[in-house]
Amino acid sequence: MFIHYTKTHLEHFVEDLYITHSILQPEDITIPKLSEELDVLVNYAPMTSRAYESSLGVRYILLDNRNSPMKQRFDFLHELCHILRHAGNQTVMPVPFIKAQEEDAEKFVLYATLPFFMLQTYSLSDEYSIAVQQISELFGVPIDMAKIRFDQILRREYEGEMWPKKRKEHPYAFYQAEEEWCQASDQPAVFAYYDPHSTLDGPDQLIVCLDQHTLSTRTEWRIPLEERFQEIELDALRNFELAPAARGDLICFDGQLTLQLHQLVHRYGSSKRNFVLQMRDVEQIFEADQSTVRRFL
């Protein structure tokens, strides 16, 4: 049904996990089935849900027995993500790391509850409200959750459909090797690298390629984060001559992220044109900006 949809790396992780352990139908996405297949012990008590692993490697999930069965299932998937993908004790972690893990777990719940590889096997109604209702009933989730996931799928389907058209309109930009394009282009470009082993749902790094005119005439450059960046593969990334941009080279004010070009030129001279940004740095800078805004509201 959805032929242009592109799954994220986290979705691939969930899909591989489910297929490997024979979780193939919505009715398989249950606490008993998942806990048995993934060798996780589950207990219930009147306390906040949590996950932990013993020194012997035994994995436990404790679920709040005061919650509804549906909420317990969502809590189980949330804690399962921590067991499978995260490490460390959150009680001693810096806040940004805790925030990143919790966001990853929430995305995991959405993908694990409504996996795309299962959804695409059903013939959904062409009428939006009916399709949402079908998803809700098939997977046993609230309407609001079904709507969030369906909207996400429709948006990515549309983006996937439009992306080849952009390639056709700009063949030189997309069909030249990325590093050659960066050297030949007379305007800045941004590529996104996705690490298949990362806990991030989005790109892990942004590769900013700047033209000589921008570097020599601008003191800063706004990174267009609202755009969809072309993905770059690891093999192509190895061919880039990259220089790292530090957190101090980025400034976020009122939701706008700018790269401080004058600092990069001072550090590297005019010979460096391709810079790598870590998305962890970008997220933390955005969080700091939002915290500043909240203090003055």
C-alpha atoms as a PDB file:
ATOM      1  CA  MET A   1       0.000   0.000   0.000  1.00  0.00           C
ATOM      2  CA  PHE A   2       2.810   2.414   0.901  1.00  0.00           C
ATOM      3  CA  ILE A   3       5.512   2.105  -1.745  1.00  0.00           C
ATOM      4  CA  HIS A   4       7.517   5.288  -1.016  1.00  0.00           C
ATOM      5  CA  TYR A   5       7.738   4.942   2.754  1.00  0.00           C
ATOM      6  CA  THR A   6      11.270   4.807   4.195  1.00  0.00           C
ATOM      7  CA  LYS A   7      11.749   3.114   7.541  1.00  0.00           C
ATOM      8  CA  THR A   8      14.037   4.660  10.138  1.00  0.00           C
ATOM      9  CA  HIS A   9      16.923   2.748  11.650  1.00  0.00           C
ATOM     10  CA  LEU A  10      14.941   2.259  14.837  1.00  0.00           C
ATOM     11  CA  GLU A  11      12.091   0.758  12.795  1.00  0.00           C
ATOM     12  CA  HIS A  12      14.538  -1.634  11.142  1.00  0.00           C
ATOM     13  CA  PHE A  13      15.750  -2.610  14.613  1.00  0.00           C
ATOM     14  CA  VAL A  14      12.191  -3.388  15.751  1.00  0.00           C
ATOM     15  CA  GLU A  15      11.340  -5.244  12.545  1.00  0.00           C
ATOM     16  CA  ASP A  16      14.476  -7.419  12.687  1.00  0.00           C
ATOM     17  CA  LEU A  17      13.794  -8.164  16.350  1.00  0.00           C
ATOM     18  CA  TYR A  18      10.189  -9.169  15.695  1.00  0.00           C
ATOM     19  CA  ILE A  19      10.877 -11.315  12.648  1.00  0.00           C
ATOM     20  CA  THR A  20      13.788 -13.078  14.358  1.00  0.00           C
ATOM     21  CA  HIS A  21      11.521 -13.994  17.280  1.00  0.00           C
ATOM     22  CA  SER A  22       8.406 -14.826  15.237  1.00  0.00           C
ATOM     23  CA  ILE A  23       6.419 -11.746  16.276  1.00  0.00           C
ATOM     24  CA  LEU A  24       4.563 -11.529  12.998  1.00  0.00           C
ATOM     25  CA  GLN A  25       0.945 -10.561  13.748  1.00  0.00           C
ATOM     26  CA  PRO A  26      -0.653  -7.869  15.945  1.00  0.00           C
ATOM     27  CA  GLU A  27      -1.898 -10.566  18.300  1.00  0.00           C
ATOM     28  CA  ASP A  28       1.751 -11.572  18.919  1.00  0.00           C
ATOM     29  CA  ILE A  29       2.567  -8.173  20.457  1.00  0.00           C
ATOM     30  CA  THR A  30       1.733  -9.233  23.993  1.00  0.00           C
ATOM     31  CA  ILE A  31       3.645  -9.240  27.257  1.00  0.00           C
ATOM     32  CA  PRO A  32       3.599 -13.072  27.615  1.00  0.00           C
ATOM     33  CA  LYS A  33       4.715 -13.693  24.024  1.00  0.00           C
ATOM     34  CA  LEU A  34       7.444 -11.044  23.976  1.00  0.00           C
ATOM     35  CA  SER A  35       8.791 -11.855  27.428  1.00  0.00           C
ATOM     36  CA  GLU A  36       9.024 -15.556  26.569  1.00  0.00           C
ATOM     37  CA  GLU A  37      10.670 -14.977  23.182  1.00  0.00           C
ATOM     38  CA  LEU A  38      13.138 -12.403  24.519  1.00  0.00           C
ATOM     39  CA  ASP A  39      13.861 -14.183  27.785  1.00  0.00           C
ATOM     40  CA  VAL A  40      12.707 -11.383  30.078  1.00  0.00           C
ATOM     41  CA  LEU A  41      11.181 -12.070  33.485  1.00  0.00           C
ATOM     42  CA  VAL A  42       8.100  -9.976  34.291  1.00  0.00           C
ATOM     43  CA  ASN A  43       6.745  -9.193  37.751  1.00  0.00           C
ATOM     44  CA  TYR A  44       3.888  -6.986  38.901  1.00  0.00           C
ATOM     45  CA  ALA A  45       3.734  -4.737  41.962  1.00  0.00           C
ATOM     46  CA  PRO A  46       2.043  -1.484  43.055  1.00  0.00           C
ATOM     47  CA  MET A  47       4.998   0.681  42.093  1.00  0.00           C
ATOM     48  CA  THR A  48       6.357   2.563  39.093  1.00  0.00           C
ATOM     49  CA  SER A  49       7.354   0.337  36.176  1.00  0.00           C
ATOM     50  CA  ARG A  50      11.072  -0.204  35.687  1.00  0.00           C
ATOM     51  CA  ALA A  51      13.641  -2.521  34.117  1.00  0.00           C
ATOM     52  CA  TYR A  52      16.881  -3.924  35.462  1.00  0.00           C
ATOM     53  CA  GLU A  53      19.438  -6.596  34.748  1.00  0.00           C
ATOM     54  CA  SER A  54      21.109  -8.689  37.412  1.00  0.00           C
ATOM     55  CA  SER A  55      24.836  -9.228  37.730  1.00  0.00           C
ATOM     56  CA  LEU A  56      24.255 -12.678  36.225  1.00  0.00           C
ATOM     57  CA  GLY A  57      22.654 -11.198  33.121  1.00  0.00           C
ATOM     58  CA  VAL A  58      19.049 -12.034  34.035  1.00  0.00           C
ATOM     59  CA  ARG A  59      16.697  -9.368  32.683  1.00  0.00           C
ATOM     60  CA  TYR A  60      13.674  -8.213  34.655  1.00  0.00           C
ATOM     61  CA  ILE A  61      10.799  -5.841  33.981  1.00  0.00           C
ATOM     62  CA  LEU A  62       8.626  -4.764  36.892  1.00  0.00           C
ATOM     63  CA  LEU A  63       5.190  -3.479  35.864  1.00  0.00           C
ATOM     64  CA  ASP A  64       2.799  -1.346  37.886  1.00  0.00           C
ATOM     65  CA  ASN A  65      -0.208  -3.589  38.601  1.00  0.00           C
ATOM     66  CA  ARG A  66      -2.378  -0.523  39.266  1.00  0.00           C
ATOM     67  CA  ASN A  67      -2.357   0.333  35.542  1.00  0.00           C
ATOM     68  CA  SER A  68      -4.715  -0.971  32.864  1.00  0.00           C
ATOM     69  CA  PRO A  69      -3.581  -3.926  30.710  1.00  0.00           C
ATOM     70  CA  MET A  70      -3.042  -1.562  27.758  1.00  0.00           C
ATOM     71  CA  LYS A  71      -0.871   0.790  29.818  1.00  0.00           C
ATOM     72  CA  GLN A  72       1.063  -2.178  31.182  1.00  0.00           C
ATOM     73  CA  ARG A  73       1.785  -3.324  27.628  1.00  0.00           C
ATOM     74  CA  PHE A  74       3.058   0.140  26.660  1.00  0.00           C
ATOM     75  CA  ASP A  75       5.175   0.283  29.835  1.00  0.00           C
ATOM     76  CA  PHE A  76       6.571  -3.164  29.056  1.00  0.00           C
ATOM     77  CA  LEU A  77       7.670  -2.053  25.575  1.00  0.00           C
ATOM     78  CA  HIS A  78       9.169   1.145  26.992  1.00  0.00           C
ATOM     79  CA  GLU A  79      11.218  -0.786  29.540  1.00  0.00           C
ATOM     80  CA  LEU A  80      12.087  -3.429  26.953  1.00  0.00           C
ATOM     81  CA  CYS A  81      13.718  -0.723  24.855  1.00  0.00           C
ATOM     82  CA  HIS A  82      15.928   0.248  27.795  1.00  0.00           C
ATOM     83  CA  ILE A  83      17.001  -3.376  28.217  1.00  0.00           C
ATOM     84  CA  LEU A  84      17.736  -3.958  24.533  1.00  0.00           C
ATOM     85  CA  ARG A  85      19.222  -0.624  23.494  1.00  0.00           C
ATOM     86  CA  HIS A  86      20.449   1.338  26.496  1.00  0.00           C
ATOM     87  CA  ALA A  87      23.120   0.949  29.115  1.00  0.00           C
ATOM     88  CA  GLY A  88      23.918   2.685  32.352  1.00  0.00           C
ATOM     89  CA  ASN A  89      22.140   3.764  35.520  1.00  0.00           C
ATOM     90  CA  GLN A  90      19.847   6.722  34.857  1.00  0.00           C
ATOM     91  CA  THR A  91      20.067   7.835  38.507  1.00  0.00           C
ATOM     92  CA  VAL A  92      23.648   8.970  37.914  1.00  0.00           C
ATOM     93  CA  MET A  93      23.357  10.022  34.264  1.00  0.00           C
ATOM     94  CA  PRO A  94      23.435  13.634  33.017  1.00  0.00           C
ATOM     95  CA  VAL A  95      19.978  14.951  32.166  1.00  0.00           C
ATOM     96  CA  PRO A  96      20.584  15.144  28.360  1.00  0.00           C
ATOM     97  CA  PHE A  97      21.495  11.432  28.283  1.00  0.00           C
ATOM     98  CA  ILE A  98      18.392  10.495  30.244  1.00  0.00           C
ATOM     99  CA  LYS A  99      16.278  12.622  27.916  1.00  0.00           C
ATOM    100  CA  ALA A 100      17.790  10.954  24.834  1.00  0.00           C
ATOM    101  CA  GLN A 101      17.116   7.466  26.216  1.00  0.00           C
ATOM    102  CA  GLU A 102      13.531   8.311  27.170  1.00  0.00           C
ATOM    103  CA  GLU A 103      12.806   9.788  23.740  1.00  0.00           C
ATOM    104  CA  ASP A 104      14.265   6.712  22.084  1.00  0.00           C
ATOM    105  CA  ALA A 105      12.091   4.466  24.275  1.00  0.00           C
ATOM    106  CA  GLU A 106       8.929   6.422  23.407  1.00  0.00           C
ATOM    107  CA  LYS A 107       9.656   6.079  19.695  1.00  0.00           C
ATOM    108  CA  PHE A 108      10.349   2.388  20.247  1.00  0.00           C
ATOM    109  CA  VAL A 109       6.894   1.976  21.830  1.00  0.00           C
ATOM    110  CA  LEU A 110       5.217   3.554  18.803  1.00  0.00           C
ATOM    111  CA  TYR A 111       7.108   1.399  16.300  1.00  0.00           C
ATOM    112  CA  ALA A 112       6.835  -1.781  18.384  1.00  0.00           C
ATOM    113  CA  THR A 113       3.095  -1.333  18.915  1.00  0.00           C
ATOM    114  CA  LEU A 114       2.345  -0.400  15.315  1.00  0.00           C
ATOM    115  CA  PRO A 115       5.178  -1.899  13.215  1.00  0.00           C
ATOM    116  CA  PHE A 116       5.135  -0.832   9.596  1.00  0.00           C
ATOM    117  CA  PHE A 117       5.871  -4.311   8.208  1.00  0.00           C
ATOM    118  CA  MET A 118       2.605  -5.512   9.769  1.00  0.00           C
ATOM    119  CA  LEU A 119       0.582  -2.419   8.909  1.00  0.00           C
ATOM    120  CA  GLN A 120       1.424  -2.580   5.230  1.00  0.00           C
ATOM    121  CA  THR A 121      -0.139  -6.041   4.888  1.00  0.00           C
ATOM    122  CA  TYR A 122      -3.631  -4.684   5.602  1.00  0.00           C
ATOM    123  CA  SER A 123      -5.931  -2.979   3.107  1.00  0.00           C
ATOM    124  CA  LEU A 124      -6.891   0.218   4.884  1.00  0.00           C
ATOM    125  CA  SER A 125      -9.801   2.391   3.870  1.00  0.00           C
ATOM    126  CA  ASP A 126      -9.194   5.387   1.613  1.00  0.00           C
ATOM    127  CA  GLU A 127     -11.206   7.429   4.090  1.00  0.00           C
ATOM    128  CA  TYR A 128      -8.842   8.810   6.722  1.00  0.00           C
ATOM    129  CA  SER A 129     -11.074   8.457   9.800  1.00  0.00           C
ATOM    130  CA  ILE A 130     -12.048   4.896   8.918  1.00  0.00           C
ATOM    131  CA  ALA A 131      -8.408   3.918   8.317  1.00  0.00           C
ATOM    132  CA  VAL A 132      -7.449   5.282  11.738  1.00  0.00           C
ATOM    133  CA  GLN A 133     -10.283   3.314  13.311  1.00  0.00           C
ATOM    134  CA  GLN A 134      -9.135   0.139  11.518  1.00  0.00           C
ATOM    135  CA  ILE A 135      -5.579   0.560  12.825  1.00  0.00           C
ATOM    136  CA  SER A 136      -6.869   1.148  16.331  1.00  0.00           C
ATOM    137  CA  GLU A 137      -8.955  -2.030  16.279  1.00  0.00           C
ATOM    138  CA  LEU A 138      -6.391  -4.232  14.521  1.00  0.00           C
ATOM    139  CA  PHE A 139      -3.559  -3.386  16.921  1.00  0.00           C
ATOM    140  CA  GLY A 140      -5.565  -2.704  20.067  1.00  0.00           C
ATOM    141  CA  VAL A 141      -4.371   0.870  20.589  1.00  0.00           C
ATOM    142  CA  PRO A 142      -6.207   4.120  21.376  1.00  0.00           C
ATOM    143  CA  ILE A 143      -7.485   6.221  18.480  1.00  0.00           C
ATOM    144  CA  ASP A 144      -5.037   9.020  19.306  1.00  0.00           C
ATOM    145  CA  MET A 145      -2.079   6.665  19.055  1.00  0.00           C
ATOM    146  CA  ALA A 146      -3.342   5.160  15.782  1.00  0.00           C
ATOM    147  CA  LYS A 147      -3.748   8.687  14.393  1.00  0.00           C
ATOM    148  CA  ILE A 148      -0.206   9.711  15.370  1.00  0.00           C
ATOM    149  CA  ARG A 149       1.293   6.659  13.662  1.00  0.00           C
ATOM    150  CA  PHE A 150      -0.917   6.907  10.574  1.00  0.00           C
ATOM    151  CA  ASP A 151      -0.111  10.611  10.180  1.00  0.00           C
ATOM    152  CA  GLN A 152       3.579   9.777  10.469  1.00  0.00           C
ATOM    153  CA  ILE A 153       3.314   7.114   7.769  1.00  0.00           C
ATOM    154  CA  LEU A 154       1.343   9.380   5.422  1.00  0.00           C
ATOM    155  CA  ARG A 155       3.869  12.181   5.883  1.00  0.00           C
ATOM    156  CA  ARG A 156       6.854   9.942   5.143  1.00  0.00           C
ATOM    157  CA  GLU A 157       5.043   8.394   2.202  1.00  0.00           C
ATOM    158  CA  TYR A 158       4.499  11.862   0.743  1.00  0.00           C
ATOM    159  CA  GLU A 159       8.125  12.835   1.375  1.00  0.00           C
ATOM    160  CA  GLY A 160       9.303   9.621  -0.277  1.00  0.00           C
ATOM    161  CA  GLU A 161       7.100  10.290  -3.286  1.00  0.00           C
ATOM    162  CA  MET A 162       8.407  13.841  -3.665  1.00  0.00           C
ATOM    163  CA  TRP A 163      12.097  13.007  -3.185  1.00  0.00           C
ATOM    164  CA  PRO A 164      12.653  11.344  -6.613  1.00  0.00           C
ATOM    165  CA  LYS A 165      11.083  14.407  -8.237  1.00  0.00           C
ATOM    166  CA  LYS A 166      13.693  16.584  -6.559  1.00  0.00           C
ATOM    167  CA  ARG A 167      16.399  14.279  -7.887  1.00  0.00           C
ATOM    168  CA  LYS A 168      15.005  14.654 -11.416  1.00  0.00           C
ATOM    169  CA  GLU A 169      14.864  18.450 -11.119  1.00  0.00           C
ATOM    170  CA  HIS A 170      18.480  18.652  -9.916  1.00  0.00           C
ATOM    171  CA  PRO A 171      20.332  15.763 -11.562  1.00  0.00           C
ATOM    172  CA  TYR A 172      23.799  17.257 -11.159  1.00  0.00           C
ATOM    173  CA  ALA A 173      23.375  17.702  -7.421  1.00  0.00           C
ATOM    174  CA  PHE A 174      22.137  14.184  -6.790  1.00  0.00           C
ATOM    175  CA  TYR A 175      23.882  11.968  -9.297  1.00  0.00           C
ATOM    176  CA  GLN A 176      27.436  13.240  -8.920  1.00  0.00           C
ATOM    177  CA  ALA A 177      29.450  11.665  -6.125  1.00  0.00           C
ATOM    178  CA  GLU A 178      28.710  13.614  -2.958  1.00  0.00           C
ATOM    179  CA  GLU A 179      32.261  14.753  -2.340  1.00  0.00           C
ATOM    180  CA  GLU A 180      32.648  15.910  -5.952  1.00  0.00           C
ATOM    181  CA  TRP A 181      29.390  17.782  -5.694  1.00  0.00           C
ATOM    182  CA  CYS A 182      30.596  19.572  -2.562  1.00  0.00           C
ATOM    183  CA  GLN A 183      33.736  20.741  -4.327  1.00  0.00           C
ATOM    184  CA  ALA A 184      31.906  21.883  -7.461  1.00  0.00           C
ATOM    185  CA  SER A 185      28.825  23.478  -5.896  1.00  0.00           C
ATOM    186  CA  ASP A 186      28.554  27.241  -5.533  1.00  0.00           C
ATOM    187  CA  GLN A 187      26.171  27.008  -2.565  1.00  0.00           C
ATOM    188  CA  PRO A 188      26.164  25.278   0.832  1.00  0.00           C
ATOM    189  CA  ALA A 189      24.760  21.758   1.178  1.00  0.00           C
ATOM    190  CA  VAL A 190      23.985  19.467   4.100  1.00  0.00           C
ATOM    191  CA  PHE A 191      24.066  15.648   4.103  1.00  0.00           C
ATOM    192  CA  ALA A 192      22.788  13.333   6.837  1.00  0.00           C
ATOM    193  CA  TYR A 193      24.604  10.212   8.039  1.00  0.00           C
ATOM    194  CA  TYR A 194      22.614   7.512   9.845  1.00  0.00           C
ATOM    195  CA  ASP A 195      24.575   5.043  11.954  1.00  0.00           C
ATOM    196  CA  PRO A 196      22.724   1.689  11.807  1.00  0.00           C
ATOM    197  CA  HIS A 197      23.887   0.870  15.346  1.00  0.00           C
ATOM    198  CA  SER A 198      22.870   4.174  16.885  1.00  0.00           C
ATOM    199  CA  THR A 199      20.150   4.807  19.448  1.00  0.00           C
ATOM    200  CA  LEU A 200      19.117   7.980  17.631  1.00  0.00           C
ATOM    201  CA  ASP A 201      16.016   7.836  15.483  1.00  0.00           C
ATOM    202  CA  GLY A 202      17.290  10.611  13.221  1.00  0.00           C
ATOM    203  CA  PRO A 203      20.733  11.210  11.718  1.00  0.00           C
ATOM    204  CA  ASP A 204      23.786  10.854  13.943  1.00  0.00           C
ATOM    205  CA  GLN A 205      25.841  13.385  12.058  1.00  0.00           C
ATOM    206  CA  LEU A 206      25.282  16.246   9.661  1.00  0.00           C
ATOM    207  CA  ILE A 207      27.894  16.928   7.006  1.00  0.00           C
ATOM    208  CA  VAL A 208      27.925  20.624   6.125  1.00  0.00           C
ATOM    209  CA  CYS A 209      29.621  21.425   2.806  1.00  0.00           C
ATOM    210  CA  LEU A 210      30.322  25.134   2.355  1.00  0.00           C
ATOM    211  CA  ASP A 211      31.348  26.998  -0.773  1.00  0.00           C
ATOM    212  CA  GLN A 212      34.331  29.338  -0.780  1.00  0.00           C
ATOM    213  CA  HIS A 213      32.206  32.463  -1.198  1.00  0.00           C
ATOM    214  CA  THR A 214      30.133  31.705   1.910  1.00  0.00           C
ATOM    215  CA  LEU A 215      33.233  30.984   3.963  1.00  0.00           C
ATOM    216  CA  SER A 216      34.960  34.189   2.916  1.00  0.00           C
ATOM    217  CA  THR A 217      32.013  36.596   3.147  1.00  0.00           C
ATOM    218  CA  ARG A 218      29.876  35.325   6.063  1.00  0.00           C
ATOM    219  CA  THR A 219      30.610  35.191   9.774  1.00  0.00           C
ATOM    220  CA  GLU A 220      27.834  32.663  10.445  1.00  0.00           C
ATOM    221  CA  TRP A 221      25.452  30.436   8.479  1.00  0.00           C
ATOM    222  CA  ARG A 222      21.993  29.241   9.504  1.00  0.00           C
ATOM    223  CA  ILE A 223      21.581  25.467   9.252  1.00  0.00           C
ATOM    224  CA  PRO A 224      18.208  24.758   7.553  1.00  0.00           C
ATOM    225  CA  LEU A 225      17.047  22.017   9.911  1.00  0.00           C
ATOM    226  CA  GLU A 226      13.517  22.240   8.524  1.00  0.00           C
ATOM    227  CA  GLU A 227      14.741  20.699   5.243  1.00  0.00           C
ATOM    228  CA  ARG A 228      15.049  16.993   4.423  1.00  0.00           C
ATOM    229  CA  PHE A 229      18.743  16.298   3.923  1.00  0.00           C
ATOM    230  CA  GLN A 230      20.050  13.767   1.459  1.00  0.00           C
ATOM    231  CA  GLU A 231      21.381  10.656   3.199  1.00  0.00           C
ATOM    232  CA  ILE A 232      25.017   9.763   2.735  1.00  0.00           C
ATOM    233  CA  GLU A 233      26.426   6.247   3.018  1.00  0.00           C
ATOM    234  CA  LEU A 234      29.491   5.342   5.056  1.00  0.00           C
ATOM    235  CA  ASP A 235      31.571   4.493   1.978  1.00  0.00           C
ATOM    236  CA  ALA A 236      30.960   7.951   0.526  1.00  0.00           C
ATOM    237  CA  LEU A 237      31.571   9.566   3.903  1.00  0.00           C
ATOM    238  CA  ARG A 238      35.047   8.039   4.048  1.00  0.00           C
ATOM    239  CA  ASN A 239      35.975   9.953   0.885  1.00  0.00           C
ATOM    240  CA  PHE A 240      35.234  13.326   2.451  1.00  0.00           C
ATOM    241  CA  GLU A 241      37.964  15.497   3.870  1.00  0.00           C
ATOM    242  CA  LEU A 242      36.126  16.419   7.043  1.00  0.00           C
ATOM    243  CA  ALA A 243      36.899  18.765   9.906  1.00  0.00           C
ATOM    244  CA  PRO A 244      34.953  18.534  13.175  1.00  0.00           C
ATOM    245  CA  ALA A 245      32.741  21.387  14.296  1.00  0.00           C
ATOM    246  CA  ALA A 246      32.659  21.613  18.090  1.00  0.00           C
ATOM    247  CA  ARG A 247      29.682  22.528  20.262  1.00  0.00           C
ATOM    248  CA  GLY A 248      31.223  25.974  20.659  1.00  0.00           C
ATOM    249  CA  ASP A 249      30.923  26.504  16.908  1.00  0.00           C
ATOM    250  CA  LEU A 250      27.127  26.271  17.154  1.00  0.00           C
ATOM    251  CA  ILE A 251      24.757  28.873  18.522  1.00  0.00           C
ATOM    252  CA  CYS A 252      21.031  28.379  18.991  1.00  0.00           C
ATOM    253  CA  PHE A 253      18.819  31.395  19.592  1.00  0.00           C
ATOM    254  CA  ASP A 254      15.038  31.381  19.440  1.00  0.00           C
ATOM    255  CA  GLY A 255      15.047  27.990  17.723  1.00  0.00           C
ATOM    256  CA  GLN A 256      17.490  29.011  14.968  1.00  0.00           C
ATOM    257  CA  LEU A 257      20.784  27.114  14.773  1.00  0.00           C
ATOM    258  CA  THR A 258      23.780  28.868  13.252  1.00  0.00           C
ATOM    259  CA  LEU A 259      27.273  27.647  12.478  1.00  0.00           C
ATOM    260  CA  GLN A 260      29.938  30.175  13.456  1.00  0.00           C
ATOM    261  CA  LEU A 261      32.004  30.333  10.295  1.00  0.00           C
ATOM    262  CA  HIS A 262      34.488  32.871  11.580  1.00  0.00           C
ATOM    263  CA  GLN A 263      35.581  30.415  14.286  1.00  0.00           C
ATOM    264  CA  LEU A 264      36.005  27.588  11.773  1.00  0.00           C
ATOM    265  CA  VAL A 265      38.047  29.771   9.424  1.00  0.00           C
ATOM    266  CA  HIS A 266      40.198  30.961  12.333  1.00  0.00           C
ATOM    267  CA  ARG A 267      40.832  27.352  13.392  1.00  0.00           C
ATOM    268  CA  TYR A 268      41.262  25.637  10.017  1.00  0.00           C
ATOM    269  CA  GLY A 269      41.983  28.423   7.563  1.00  0.00           C
ATOM    270  CA  SER A 270      40.191  28.630   4.217  1.00  0.00           C
ATOM    271  CA  SER A 271      41.276  25.190   2.997  1.00  0.00           C
ATOM    272  CA  LYS A 272      38.610  23.265   4.959  1.00  0.00           C
ATOM    273  CA  ARG A 273      35.105  23.361   3.516  1.00  0.00           C
ATOM    274  CA  ASN A 274      33.391  20.226   4.827  1.00  0.00           C
ATOM    275  CA  PHE A 275      32.462  20.030   8.501  1.00  0.00           C
ATOM    276  CA  VAL A 276      30.849  17.306  10.595  1.00  0.00           C
ATOM    277  CA  LEU A 277      28.296  18.137  13.300  1.00  0.00           C
ATOM    278  CA  GLN A 278      27.276  15.649  15.969  1.00  0.00           C
ATOM    279  CA  MET A 279      23.497  15.507  16.416  1.00  0.00           C
ATOM    280  CA  ARG A 280      23.978  14.888  20.146  1.00  0.00           C
ATOM    281  CA  ASP A 281      25.568  18.342  20.313  1.00  0.00           C
ATOM    282  CA  VAL A 282      22.734  19.851  18.279  1.00  0.00           C
ATOM    283  CA  GLU A 283      20.074  18.318  20.546  1.00  0.00           C
ATOM    284  CA  GLN A 284      21.770  19.537  23.715  1.00  0.00           C
ATOM    285  CA  ILE A 285      22.157  23.047  22.315  1.00  0.00           C
ATOM    286  CA  PHE A 286      18.470  23.112  21.386  1.00  0.00           C
ATOM    287  CA  GLU A 287      17.548  21.906  24.871  1.00  0.00           C
ATOM    288  CA  ALA A 288      19.660  24.648  26.449  1.00  0.00           C
ATOM    289  CA  ASP A 289      17.965  27.236  24.233  1.00  0.00           C
ATOM    290  CA  GLN A 290      14.506  25.990  25.225  1.00  0.00           C
ATOM    291  CA  SER A 291      15.467  26.044  28.911  1.00  0.00           C
ATOM    292  CA  THR A 292      16.540  29.655  28.541  1.00  0.00           C
ATOM    293  CA  VAL A 293      13.264  30.566  26.870  1.00  0.00           C
ATOM    294  CA  ARG A 294      11.238  28.840  29.603  1.00  0.00           C
ATOM    295  CA  ARG A 295      13.013  30.814  32.323  1.00  0.00           C
ATOM    296  CA  PHE A 296      11.770  34.077  30.845  1.00  0.00           C
ATOM    297  CA  LEU A 297       8.178  33.015  30.132  1.00  0.00           C
END
